[in-house]
């Protein structure tokens, strides 16, 4: 019976362990925390959005993006659903997003724990792996407590996001010791901090908006959805989706900006018509009244201030130049991004082990007997269950390969 060590007991690690054990291996999980699966409990706001019916390669980034179609053909969304259903979980679908019907992330963790126990997988918690080395006796796994040798080792240590759950980048050091190239790691799926002292005026406001990211003047990407304004900048799903691109632009010291449209349904002509009719009909109203109903009141007040127009001023008295300035703010308010939120406030990290040095079965091309799965690899997805699907798919492929390849 082949022995397999799984380094890290998160989503990818638990799946790798289950699949390796099902394939006949004797499996041991090493987890630095006092329990496995800690991070999974916070996913989907505690409801665990574990996958998505609308799966496409465009939902992923990184050097391992091309691995997605191959891996997901073997173990994709349908297979993931069947895996959990076979364990007893009812599944709820909301606009393509997949959740346990219980509404509890703990359901997913509990089912993993029960299956690991059934398969007699050994779990060593409170043990951080400090070194991994190939030897004549197999793959040596060293902790502060002991050294042991295994037929294969799977690194599923996570990235650097949410270090309080155990993902503090330690896995990158282990991979580096084995000779693997680590691509720059940055926070992803996180909020952006912006230049200016006026954000407290609109903190807490949520609204539909289109946001466009620019780096050194070049358009990088565009998203639409519920924007959340904070006391330090911008947040919400559309911001999370662009944050990895902003992080890399900032890392390269490029001037990074976001243009926000508070009128996302209207093109330039439609906006011009809307404002022209409003100026004509409401000329006798104060600007505060004039703008009531356009967007959230706090946004109206902030944009008036940025345009240099008093709320008590009559609409008919506002000059053409000032009108154009105000209109442009509603259609394309440009904010300067100074930083992303740190890893402690990021859902995932982008970057990691270069997938050019990993085979399609996620085996190391450098060290025979070593495999990778999950966030430690340079693959990151958008919001919506894509990162957990990557964890489950990559964990399955690596687990089966580690158990079966001799």
Protein backbone atom coordinates (compact mmCIF):
# COMPACT_ATOMS: atom_id res chain seq x y z
CA UNK A 1 0.00 0.00 0.00
CA UNK A 2 1.44 3.36 -1.01
CA UNK A 3 1.76 6.01 1.68
CA UNK A 4 0.79 9.62 0.97
CA UNK A 5 1.35 12.73 3.10
CA UNK A 6 -1.00 15.66 2.58
CA UNK A 7 0.47 18.95 3.81
CA UNK A 8 -2.43 21.19 4.76
CA UNK A 9 -5.95 20.26 5.84
CA UNK A 10 -8.01 22.82 3.95
CA UNK A 11 -10.51 22.20 1.16
CA UNK A 12 -7.93 20.94 -1.35
CA UNK A 13 -6.10 18.91 1.28
CA UNK A 14 -9.21 17.17 2.59
CA UNK A 15 -10.33 16.31 -0.94
CA UNK A 16 -6.85 15.05 -1.89
CA UNK A 17 -6.76 12.88 1.21
CA UNK A 18 -10.20 11.40 0.54
CA UNK A 19 -9.41 10.63 -3.08
CA UNK A 20 -5.98 9.16 -2.32
CA UNK A 21 -7.45 6.95 0.39
CA UNK A 22 -10.28 5.82 -1.88
CA UNK A 23 -7.63 4.88 -4.44
CA UNK A 24 -6.02 2.57 -1.90
CA UNK A 25 -3.30 4.69 -0.28
CA UNK A 26 -2.57 5.01 3.41
CA UNK A 27 -2.92 8.75 3.97
CA UNK A 28 -1.73 11.17 6.63
CA UNK A 29 -2.77 14.83 6.83
CA UNK A 30 -0.49 17.37 8.50
CA UNK A 31 -2.32 20.52 9.64
CA UNK A 32 -0.68 23.35 11.54
CA UNK A 33 -3.98 24.52 13.11
CA UNK A 34 -5.71 22.79 15.98
CA UNK A 35 -8.33 21.44 13.54
CA UNK A 36 -8.76 20.86 9.82
CA UNK A 37 -10.99 22.86 7.47
CA UNK A 38 -10.92 26.10 9.44
CA UNK A 39 -11.03 28.40 6.40
CA UNK A 40 -13.93 26.61 4.74
CA UNK A 41 -16.24 27.68 7.58
CA UNK A 42 -16.03 31.33 6.50
CA UNK A 43 -16.69 30.78 2.79
CA UNK A 44 -19.86 32.23 1.29
CA UNK A 45 -20.52 34.22 4.47
CA UNK A 46 -20.72 30.96 6.37
CA UNK A 47 -23.01 29.32 3.80
CA UNK A 48 -20.23 27.78 1.67
CA UNK A 49 -20.78 28.65 -1.97
CA UNK A 50 -18.82 25.57 -3.05
CA UNK A 51 -19.20 25.75 -6.86
CA UNK A 52 -21.08 27.31 -9.74
CA UNK A 53 -23.11 25.88 -12.62
CA UNK A 54 -21.81 28.65 -14.89
CA UNK A 55 -18.28 27.32 -15.21
CA UNK A 56 -15.88 28.75 -17.78
CA UNK A 57 -12.13 29.18 -18.15
CA UNK A 58 -12.66 32.96 -18.26
CA UNK A 59 -13.51 32.77 -14.55
CA UNK A 60 -9.88 31.94 -13.74
CA UNK A 61 -6.51 33.66 -13.84
CA UNK A 62 -2.88 32.63 -13.44
CA UNK A 63 -0.27 30.43 -15.10
CA UNK A 64 -2.43 27.35 -14.44
CA UNK A 65 -5.47 28.64 -16.27
CA UNK A 66 -4.95 26.22 -19.15
CA UNK A 67 -5.09 23.32 -16.71
CA UNK A 68 -8.74 24.06 -15.94
CA UNK A 69 -10.42 22.43 -18.99
CA UNK A 70 -8.34 19.26 -18.66
CA UNK A 71 -8.84 18.85 -14.92
CA UNK A 72 -12.52 19.80 -14.95
CA UNK A 73 -13.23 17.28 -17.69
CA UNK A 74 -12.16 14.61 -15.21
CA UNK A 75 -13.63 16.16 -12.07
CA UNK A 76 -15.79 19.23 -12.66
CA UNK A 77 -19.01 20.67 -11.30
CA UNK A 78 -21.16 17.59 -11.99
CA UNK A 79 -18.66 15.28 -10.30
CA UNK A 80 -18.34 17.65 -7.32
CA UNK A 81 -22.11 17.69 -6.86
CA UNK A 82 -22.22 13.91 -7.07
CA UNK A 83 -19.37 13.63 -4.55
CA UNK A 84 -21.25 15.63 -1.92
CA UNK A 85 -24.63 14.10 -2.72
CA UNK A 86 -23.12 10.63 -2.23
CA UNK A 87 -21.93 11.77 1.19
CA UNK A 88 -25.50 12.79 2.01
CA UNK A 89 -25.62 16.51 1.27
CA UNK A 90 -28.64 18.14 -0.34
CA UNK A 91 -27.64 20.96 -2.69
CA UNK A 92 -29.29 24.33 -3.23
CA UNK A 93 -28.79 26.34 -6.44
CA UNK A 94 -29.28 30.12 -6.54
CA UNK A 95 -28.67 31.75 -9.95
CA UNK A 96 -26.01 29.14 -10.68
CA UNK A 97 -24.34 29.44 -7.27
CA UNK A 98 -24.23 26.11 -5.43
CA UNK A 99 -24.63 25.79 -1.65
CA UNK A 100 -25.39 23.05 0.87
CA UNK A 101 -29.18 23.16 1.38
CA UNK A 102 -28.56 23.42 5.12
CA UNK A 103 -27.16 26.91 4.58
CA UNK A 104 -24.18 25.95 6.73
CA UNK A 105 -20.54 25.68 5.68
CA UNK A 106 -20.11 23.32 8.62
CA UNK A 107 -22.11 20.72 6.66
CA UNK A 108 -19.33 20.48 4.08
CA UNK A 109 -16.65 20.25 6.76
CA UNK A 110 -18.54 17.66 8.78
CA UNK A 111 -19.03 15.43 5.75
CA UNK A 112 -15.32 15.61 4.98
CA UNK A 113 -14.44 14.74 8.57
CA UNK A 114 -16.80 11.76 8.62
CA UNK A 115 -15.41 10.44 5.31
CA UNK A 116 -11.81 10.90 6.40
CA UNK A 117 -12.59 8.96 9.56
CA UNK A 118 -14.31 6.20 7.59
CA UNK A 119 -11.25 5.90 5.34
CA UNK A 120 -8.92 5.74 8.38
CA UNK A 121 -6.96 8.83 7.29
CA UNK A 122 -4.55 9.89 10.03
CA UNK A 123 -4.82 13.56 10.93
CA UNK A 124 -1.98 15.28 12.79
CA UNK A 125 -3.16 18.72 13.92
CA UNK A 126 -0.93 21.31 15.55
CA UNK A 127 1.98 20.09 13.45
CA UNK A 128 3.62 22.44 10.97
CA UNK A 129 5.77 20.87 8.30
CA UNK A 130 9.13 22.62 8.23
CA UNK A 131 10.84 20.71 5.42
CA UNK A 132 10.17 18.27 2.58
CA UNK A 133 13.01 16.46 0.83
CA UNK A 134 13.30 13.57 -1.62
CA UNK A 135 15.45 10.67 -0.41
CA UNK A 136 16.21 7.04 -1.17
CA UNK A 137 13.46 6.13 1.29
CA UNK A 138 10.84 8.30 -0.40
CA UNK A 139 9.68 11.83 0.41
CA UNK A 140 10.88 12.96 3.82
CA UNK A 141 8.36 15.10 5.72
CA UNK A 142 9.77 16.91 8.74
CA UNK A 143 7.83 18.60 11.53
CA UNK A 144 8.96 19.92 14.91
CA UNK A 145 7.86 16.57 16.34
CA UNK A 146 9.35 14.03 13.93
CA UNK A 147 10.59 12.99 10.48
CA UNK A 148 8.69 10.44 8.41
CA UNK A 149 8.99 9.04 4.90
CA UNK A 150 6.18 8.63 2.38
CA UNK A 151 5.75 7.33 -1.13
CA UNK A 152 4.33 10.72 -2.17
CA UNK A 153 3.54 14.12 -0.71
CA UNK A 154 0.84 16.56 -1.78
CA UNK A 155 1.33 20.24 -0.92
CA UNK A 156 -2.06 21.80 -0.22
CA UNK A 157 -0.88 24.51 2.17
CA UNK A 158 -2.96 27.31 0.63
CA UNK A 159 -1.72 30.75 -0.34
CA UNK A 160 -1.40 33.84 1.85
CA UNK A 161 -4.99 35.04 2.21
CA UNK A 162 -6.63 34.94 5.65
CA UNK A 163 -3.40 33.94 7.46
CA UNK A 164 -5.38 33.52 10.67
CA UNK A 165 -6.80 30.32 9.20
CA UNK A 166 -3.32 28.95 8.52
CA UNK A 167 -2.61 30.22 4.99
CA UNK A 168 0.41 32.37 5.71
CA UNK A 169 2.60 31.51 2.73
CA UNK A 170 4.55 28.75 4.48
CA UNK A 171 3.76 26.39 1.61
CA UNK A 172 5.60 28.63 -0.82
CA UNK A 173 8.76 28.24 1.26
CA UNK A 174 8.43 24.45 1.12
CA UNK A 175 7.89 24.55 -2.65
CA UNK A 176 10.85 26.89 -3.01
CA UNK A 177 13.05 24.49 -1.06
CA UNK A 178 12.17 21.84 -3.66
CA UNK A 179 13.33 24.13 -6.46
CA UNK A 180 9.95 25.38 -7.62
CA UNK A 181 9.54 28.91 -8.94
CA UNK A 182 7.10 31.06 -6.96
CA UNK A 183 5.35 33.76 -8.98
CA UNK A 184 4.59 37.06 -7.18
CA UNK A 185 1.79 36.65 -4.65
CA UNK A 186 -0.75 39.45 -4.07
CA UNK A 187 -4.11 39.77 -2.30
CA UNK A 188 -7.17 39.00 -4.45
CA UNK A 189 -10.94 39.18 -3.97
CA UNK A 190 -10.56 42.13 -1.65
CA UNK A 191 -11.44 45.82 -1.35
CA UNK A 192 -9.44 48.74 -2.73
CA UNK A 193 -8.12 51.70 -0.76
CA UNK A 194 -8.40 55.04 -2.54
CA UNK A 195 -6.90 58.50 -2.34
CA UNK A 196 -9.05 61.18 -0.71
CA UNK A 197 -10.56 62.13 2.63
CA UNK A 198 -14.20 62.30 1.58
CA UNK A 199 -15.13 58.61 1.59
CA UNK A 200 -16.50 58.77 5.12
CA UNK A 201 -19.36 60.88 3.71
CA UNK A 202 -20.62 57.90 1.72
CA UNK A 203 -19.40 54.99 3.87
CA UNK A 204 -21.96 52.20 3.95
CA UNK A 205 -23.73 53.18 0.73
CA UNK A 206 -24.43 50.37 -1.75
CA UNK A 207 -25.51 50.95 -5.33
CA UNK A 208 -25.52 49.43 -8.79
CA UNK A 209 -22.49 50.66 -10.70
CA UNK A 210 -20.08 49.89 -13.51
CA UNK A 211 -16.40 50.09 -12.61
CA UNK A 212 -13.45 50.18 -14.99
CA UNK A 213 -9.84 49.63 -13.91
CA UNK A 214 -6.95 51.51 -15.53
CA UNK A 215 -3.20 51.05 -15.02
CA UNK A 216 -0.83 53.69 -16.38
CA UNK A 217 -3.72 54.95 -18.50
CA UNK A 218 -4.51 51.57 -20.10
CA UNK A 219 -7.89 49.95 -19.60
CA UNK A 220 -7.42 46.61 -17.82
CA UNK A 221 -10.91 45.29 -17.11
CA UNK A 222 -14.50 46.23 -16.38
CA UNK A 223 -17.16 44.88 -14.02
CA UNK A 224 -20.70 45.70 -13.02
CA UNK A 225 -22.63 44.94 -9.85
CA UNK A 226 -23.34 46.20 -6.36
CA UNK A 227 -20.64 48.69 -5.40
CA UNK A 228 -20.03 49.24 -1.70
CA UNK A 229 -18.50 52.54 -0.63
CA UNK A 230 -16.37 52.38 2.50
CA UNK A 231 -14.66 54.95 4.68
CA UNK A 232 -11.37 54.19 2.89
CA UNK A 233 -12.43 53.45 -0.71
CA UNK A 234 -14.48 50.93 -2.64
CA UNK A 235 -15.62 47.35 -2.09
CA UNK A 236 -18.29 44.88 -3.19
CA UNK A 237 -18.30 42.00 -5.67
CA UNK A 238 -17.32 44.02 -8.79
CA UNK A 239 -14.37 45.50 -6.88
CA UNK A 240 -13.33 42.06 -5.64
CA UNK A 241 -13.32 40.81 -9.23
CA UNK A 242 -10.83 43.47 -10.39
CA UNK A 243 -8.71 43.56 -7.23
CA UNK A 244 -6.07 41.02 -8.35
CA UNK A 245 -5.40 43.13 -11.45
CA UNK A 246 -5.16 46.28 -9.32
CA UNK A 247 -2.79 44.51 -6.93
CA UNK A 248 -0.38 43.58 -9.72
CA UNK A 249 -0.54 47.07 -11.22
CA UNK A 250 0.30 48.61 -7.86
CA UNK A 251 3.08 46.09 -7.36
CA UNK A 252 4.58 47.31 -10.63
CA UNK A 253 4.21 50.89 -9.35
CA UNK A 254 1.77 51.85 -12.10
CA UNK A 255 -0.64 54.71 -11.55
CA UNK A 256 -3.87 52.82 -10.86
CA UNK A 257 -7.34 54.30 -11.13
CA UNK A 258 -10.96 53.18 -11.23
CA UNK A 259 -13.70 54.99 -13.12
CA UNK A 260 -17.14 54.55 -11.59
CA UNK A 261 -20.40 55.01 -13.48
CA UNK A 262 -23.42 55.53 -11.24
CA UNK A 263 -25.66 55.40 -14.33
CA UNK A 264 -24.55 52.02 -15.73
CA UNK A 265 -27.64 51.41 -17.88
CA UNK A 266 -27.20 54.55 -19.98
CA UNK A 267 -24.69 55.20 -22.75
CA UNK A 268 -23.28 58.66 -23.41
CA UNK A 269 -26.21 59.77 -25.58
CA UNK A 270 -28.81 58.49 -23.14
CA UNK A 271 -27.07 60.27 -20.27
CA UNK A 272 -26.94 63.53 -22.19
CA UNK A 273 -30.66 63.30 -22.96
CA UNK A 274 -31.50 62.47 -19.34
CA UNK A 275 -29.61 65.49 -18.00
CA UNK A 276 -30.83 67.90 -20.68
CA UNK A 277 -34.46 67.12 -19.92
CA UNK A 278 -33.82 67.45 -16.18
CA UNK A 279 -32.08 70.83 -16.52
CA UNK A 280 -35.03 72.12 -18.55
CA UNK A 281 -37.77 70.80 -16.26
CA UNK A 282 -36.22 71.56 -12.89
CA UNK A 283 -34.46 74.88 -13.46
CA UNK A 284 -36.19 76.56 -10.49
CA UNK A 285 -35.28 73.86 -8.01
CA UNK A 286 -32.27 73.93 -5.71
CA UNK A 287 -29.58 71.48 -6.69
CA UNK A 288 -30.31 69.37 -3.62
CA UNK A 289 -33.90 68.92 -4.80
CA UNK A 290 -32.83 68.72 -8.45
CA UNK A 291 -30.71 65.63 -7.78
CA UNK A 292 -33.14 63.85 -5.47
CA UNK A 293 -33.98 60.47 -6.98
CA UNK A 294 -30.99 60.27 -9.34
CA UNK A 295 -28.93 58.01 -7.05
CA UNK A 296 -28.42 57.63 -3.31
CA UNK A 297 -28.67 60.98 -1.51
CA UNK A 298 -25.18 60.70 0.02
CA UNK A 299 -23.66 60.12 -3.43
CA UNK A 300 -25.55 63.14 -4.78
CA UNK A 301 -24.16 65.30 -1.99
CA UNK A 302 -20.60 64.08 -2.50
CA UNK A 303 -20.61 64.59 -6.27
CA UNK A 304 -22.13 68.06 -5.85
CA UNK A 305 -19.26 68.91 -3.51
CA UNK A 306 -16.65 67.49 -5.92
CA UNK A 307 -18.17 69.53 -8.74
CA UNK A 308 -17.95 72.68 -6.63
CA UNK A 309 -21.71 73.31 -6.67
CA UNK A 310 -23.71 74.35 -3.60
CA UNK A 311 -26.81 72.36 -2.75
CA UNK A 312 -28.74 75.60 -2.21
CA UNK A 313 -27.90 76.90 -5.70
CA UNK A 314 -30.74 77.00 -8.24
CA UNK A 315 -30.32 74.51 -11.09
CA UNK A 316 -30.96 77.24 -13.65
CA UNK A 317 -28.05 79.26 -12.30
CA UNK A 318 -25.46 76.51 -12.71
CA UNK A 319 -23.15 77.30 -15.63
CA UNK A 320 -22.74 74.99 -18.58
CA UNK A 321 -19.19 74.18 -17.56
CA UNK A 322 -20.25 73.21 -14.05
CA UNK A 323 -23.14 71.16 -15.43
CA UNK A 324 -20.78 69.15 -17.61
CA UNK A 325 -18.44 68.59 -14.69
CA UNK A 326 -21.29 67.26 -12.54
CA UNK A 327 -22.64 65.05 -15.31
CA UNK A 328 -19.21 63.56 -15.96
CA UNK A 329 -18.86 62.65 -12.28
CA UNK A 330 -22.07 60.60 -12.41
CA UNK A 331 -20.97 58.86 -15.58
CA UNK A 332 -17.25 58.48 -14.87
CA UNK A 333 -16.05 59.40 -11.39
CA UNK A 334 -12.32 58.63 -11.36
CA UNK A 335 -10.69 57.55 -8.11
CA UNK A 336 -7.01 56.83 -7.53
CA UNK A 337 -6.22 53.46 -5.97
CA UNK A 338 -3.41 53.55 -3.43
CA UNK A 339 -3.52 49.96 -2.17
CA UNK A 340 -5.56 46.80 -1.89
CA UNK A 341 -6.65 45.60 1.50
CA UNK A 342 -3.98 43.32 3.04
CA UNK A 343 -3.90 39.52 2.95
CA UNK A 344 -5.72 39.46 6.28
CA UNK A 345 -8.78 40.90 4.53
CA UNK A 346 -8.49 39.02 1.23
CA UNK A 347 -10.53 35.94 0.33
CA UNK A 348 -7.76 34.42 -1.78
CA UNK A 349 -4.29 35.23 -3.03
CA UNK A 350 -3.14 35.40 -6.64
CA UNK A 351 0.22 34.03 -7.70
CA UNK A 352 2.05 31.04 -6.26
CA UNK A 353 3.77 27.94 -7.61
CA UNK A 354 4.39 28.38 -11.33
CA UNK A 355 2.19 25.84 -13.11
CA UNK A 356 4.71 25.58 -15.96
CA UNK A 357 6.66 23.36 -13.55
CA UNK A 358 3.64 21.13 -12.84
CA UNK A 359 2.27 18.31 -15.02
CA UNK A 360 -1.40 17.88 -15.94
CA UNK A 361 -1.82 15.43 -13.06
CA UNK A 362 -0.37 18.17 -10.82
CA UNK A 363 2.86 16.27 -10.23
CA UNK A 364 6.04 18.26 -9.82
CA UNK A 365 8.18 18.27 -12.96
CA UNK A 366 11.20 18.81 -10.69
CA UNK A 367 10.81 16.35 -7.81
CA UNK A 368 9.21 12.95 -8.47
CA UNK A 369 6.62 12.00 -5.84
CA UNK A 370 5.60 15.59 -5.05
CA UNK A 371 2.20 16.99 -6.07
CA UNK A 372 0.33 20.25 -5.62
CA UNK A 373 -3.32 21.24 -5.27
CA UNK A 374 -5.41 24.27 -4.38
CA UNK A 375 -4.42 27.85 -3.76
CA UNK A 376 -0.69 27.14 -3.45
CA UNK A 377 -0.69 26.92 -7.25
CA UNK A 378 -0.82 30.02 -9.42
CA UNK A 379 -4.56 29.76 -10.11
CA UNK A 380 -7.21 32.08 -8.72
CA UNK A 381 -10.87 32.43 -9.60
CA UNK A 382 -13.49 35.14 -9.40
CA UNK A 383 -16.19 35.26 -6.70
CA UNK A 384 -18.92 32.67 -6.91
CA UNK A 385 -17.58 29.29 -5.79
CA UNK A 386 -14.83 29.09 -8.40
CA UNK A 387 -11.95 28.89 -5.96
CA UNK A 388 -13.49 26.06 -3.96
CA UNK A 389 -14.22 24.22 -7.21
CA UNK A 390 -10.54 24.57 -8.09
CA UNK A 391 -9.63 23.21 -4.66
CA UNK A 392 -11.89 20.18 -5.07
CA UNK A 393 -10.90 19.46 -8.68
CA UNK A 394 -7.16 19.88 -8.16
CA UNK A 395 -7.32 17.98 -4.87
CA UNK A 396 -9.01 15.07 -6.63
CA UNK A 397 -6.50 14.93 -9.49
CA UNK A 398 -3.47 15.21 -7.21
CA UNK A 399 -4.86 12.73 -4.67
CA UNK A 400 -5.60 10.05 -7.23
CA UNK A 401 -2.27 10.53 -9.00
CA UNK A 402 -0.26 10.44 -5.77
CA UNK A 403 -1.97 7.20 -4.74
CA UNK A 404 -1.63 5.40 -8.04
CA UNK A 405 1.61 6.51 -9.69
CA UNK A 406 4.66 4.44 -8.84
